[in-house]
């Protein structure tokens, strides 16, 4: 994830794009973690 963020940052040169991608990746990871946790017995 860090490498992809750096590549996008170099290509676009826009901090907002990097932040947006980070938020999307972060939210996706959270949703995937939540779905994985919901499957496991707590």
N, C-alpha and C. Protein backbone atom coordinates (compact mmCIF):
# COMPACT_ATOMS: atom_id res chain seq x y z
N UNK A 1 0.83 -1.20 0.00
CA UNK A 1 0.00 0.00 0.00
C UNK A 1 0.87 1.25 0.00
N UNK A 2 1.94 1.24 0.80
CA UNK A 2 2.79 2.42 0.88
C UNK A 2 3.46 2.70 -0.46
N UNK A 3 3.91 1.64 -1.15
CA UNK A 3 4.58 1.82 -2.44
C UNK A 3 3.60 2.41 -3.45
N UNK A 4 2.37 1.88 -3.48
CA UNK A 4 1.38 2.37 -4.44
C UNK A 4 1.04 3.83 -4.16
N UNK A 5 0.95 4.18 -2.87
CA UNK A 5 0.65 5.56 -2.52
C UNK A 5 1.78 6.47 -3.00
N UNK A 6 3.03 6.01 -2.83
CA UNK A 6 4.16 6.83 -3.27
C UNK A 6 4.15 6.98 -4.79
N UNK A 7 3.83 5.92 -5.50
CA UNK A 7 3.80 5.99 -6.96
C UNK A 7 2.72 6.97 -7.42
N UNK A 8 1.54 6.89 -6.81
CA UNK A 8 0.46 7.80 -7.19
C UNK A 8 0.85 9.25 -6.85
N UNK A 9 1.53 9.41 -5.72
CA UNK A 9 1.93 10.75 -5.31
C UNK A 9 2.93 11.33 -6.31
N UNK A 10 3.82 10.48 -6.83
CA UNK A 10 4.80 10.95 -7.80
C UNK A 10 4.13 11.26 -9.14
N UNK A 11 3.17 10.43 -9.54
CA UNK A 11 2.51 10.63 -10.84
C UNK A 11 1.65 11.88 -10.82
N UNK A 12 0.75 11.97 -9.83
CA UNK A 12 -0.20 13.08 -9.80
C UNK A 12 0.43 14.33 -9.21
N UNK A 13 1.21 14.16 -8.14
CA UNK A 13 1.79 15.31 -7.47
C UNK A 13 0.75 16.06 -6.67
N UNK A 14 -0.38 15.41 -6.36
CA UNK A 14 -1.44 16.06 -5.60
C UNK A 14 -1.60 15.35 -4.26
N UNK A 15 -1.35 16.04 -3.14
CA UNK A 15 -1.51 15.43 -1.82
C UNK A 15 -2.93 14.94 -1.59
N UNK A 16 -3.93 15.66 -2.13
CA UNK A 16 -5.33 15.28 -1.92
C UNK A 16 -5.59 13.90 -2.53
N UNK A 17 -5.00 13.63 -3.69
CA UNK A 17 -5.19 12.33 -4.33
C UNK A 17 -4.63 11.23 -3.44
N UNK A 18 -3.44 11.47 -2.88
CA UNK A 18 -2.83 10.46 -2.00
C UNK A 18 -3.67 10.24 -0.76
N UNK A 19 -4.18 11.33 -0.19
CA UNK A 19 -5.02 11.22 1.01
C UNK A 19 -6.30 10.47 0.68
N UNK A 20 -6.89 10.78 -0.48
CA UNK A 20 -8.13 10.11 -0.88
C UNK A 20 -7.90 8.62 -1.06
N UNK A 21 -6.81 8.27 -1.74
CA UNK A 21 -6.49 6.85 -1.95
C UNK A 21 -6.24 6.17 -0.62
N UNK A 22 -5.57 6.86 0.30
CA UNK A 22 -5.28 6.28 1.61
C UNK A 22 -6.58 6.03 2.37
N UNK A 23 -7.50 6.98 2.28
CA UNK A 23 -8.79 6.83 2.98
C UNK A 23 -9.57 5.66 2.39
N UNK A 24 -9.56 5.54 1.05
CA UNK A 24 -10.28 4.44 0.39
C UNK A 24 -9.67 3.11 0.80
N UNK A 25 -8.35 3.01 0.72
CA UNK A 25 -7.68 1.75 1.10
C UNK A 25 -7.92 1.44 2.57
N UNK A 26 -7.89 2.47 3.42
CA UNK A 26 -8.09 2.28 4.85
C UNK A 26 -9.50 1.79 5.13
N UNK A 27 -10.49 2.42 4.48
CA UNK A 27 -11.89 2.02 4.70
C UNK A 27 -12.13 0.61 4.18
N UNK A 28 -11.50 0.27 3.05
CA UNK A 28 -11.65 -1.08 2.50
C UNK A 28 -11.04 -2.10 3.45
N UNK A 29 -9.89 -1.79 4.01
CA UNK A 29 -9.24 -2.72 4.93
C UNK A 29 -10.09 -2.89 6.19
N UNK A 30 -10.70 -1.80 6.64
CA UNK A 30 -11.55 -1.88 7.83
C UNK A 30 -12.76 -2.76 7.55
N UNK A 31 -13.42 -2.54 6.40
CA UNK A 31 -14.61 -3.32 6.06
C UNK A 31 -14.25 -4.80 5.92
N UNK A 32 -13.09 -5.09 5.33
CA UNK A 32 -12.66 -6.47 5.16
C UNK A 32 -12.35 -7.08 6.52
N UNK A 33 -11.74 -6.28 7.41
CA UNK A 33 -11.43 -6.78 8.76
C UNK A 33 -12.72 -7.02 9.54
N UNK A 34 -13.69 -6.12 9.39
CA UNK A 34 -14.96 -6.27 10.10
C UNK A 34 -15.67 -7.53 9.63
N UNK A 35 -15.69 -7.77 8.32
CA UNK A 35 -16.34 -8.96 7.79
C UNK A 35 -15.63 -10.21 8.28
N UNK A 36 -14.29 -10.14 8.35
CA UNK A 36 -13.52 -11.29 8.83
C UNK A 36 -13.78 -11.54 10.31
N UNK A 37 -13.89 -10.44 11.08
CA UNK A 37 -14.13 -10.58 12.52
C UNK A 37 -15.53 -11.12 12.77
N UNK A 38 -16.50 -10.66 11.97
CA UNK A 38 -17.88 -11.09 12.16
C UNK A 38 -18.01 -12.59 11.90
N UNK A 39 -17.15 -13.11 11.02
CA UNK A 39 -17.19 -14.54 10.72
C UNK A 39 -16.61 -15.35 11.88
N UNK A 40 -15.62 -14.77 12.57
CA UNK A 40 -14.99 -15.49 13.68
C UNK A 40 -15.84 -15.36 14.95
N UNK A 41 -15.86 -16.40 15.75
CA UNK A 41 -16.60 -16.32 17.03
C UNK A 41 -15.90 -15.37 17.98
N UNK A 42 -16.67 -14.49 18.62
CA UNK A 42 -16.07 -13.51 19.54
C UNK A 42 -16.31 -13.93 20.97
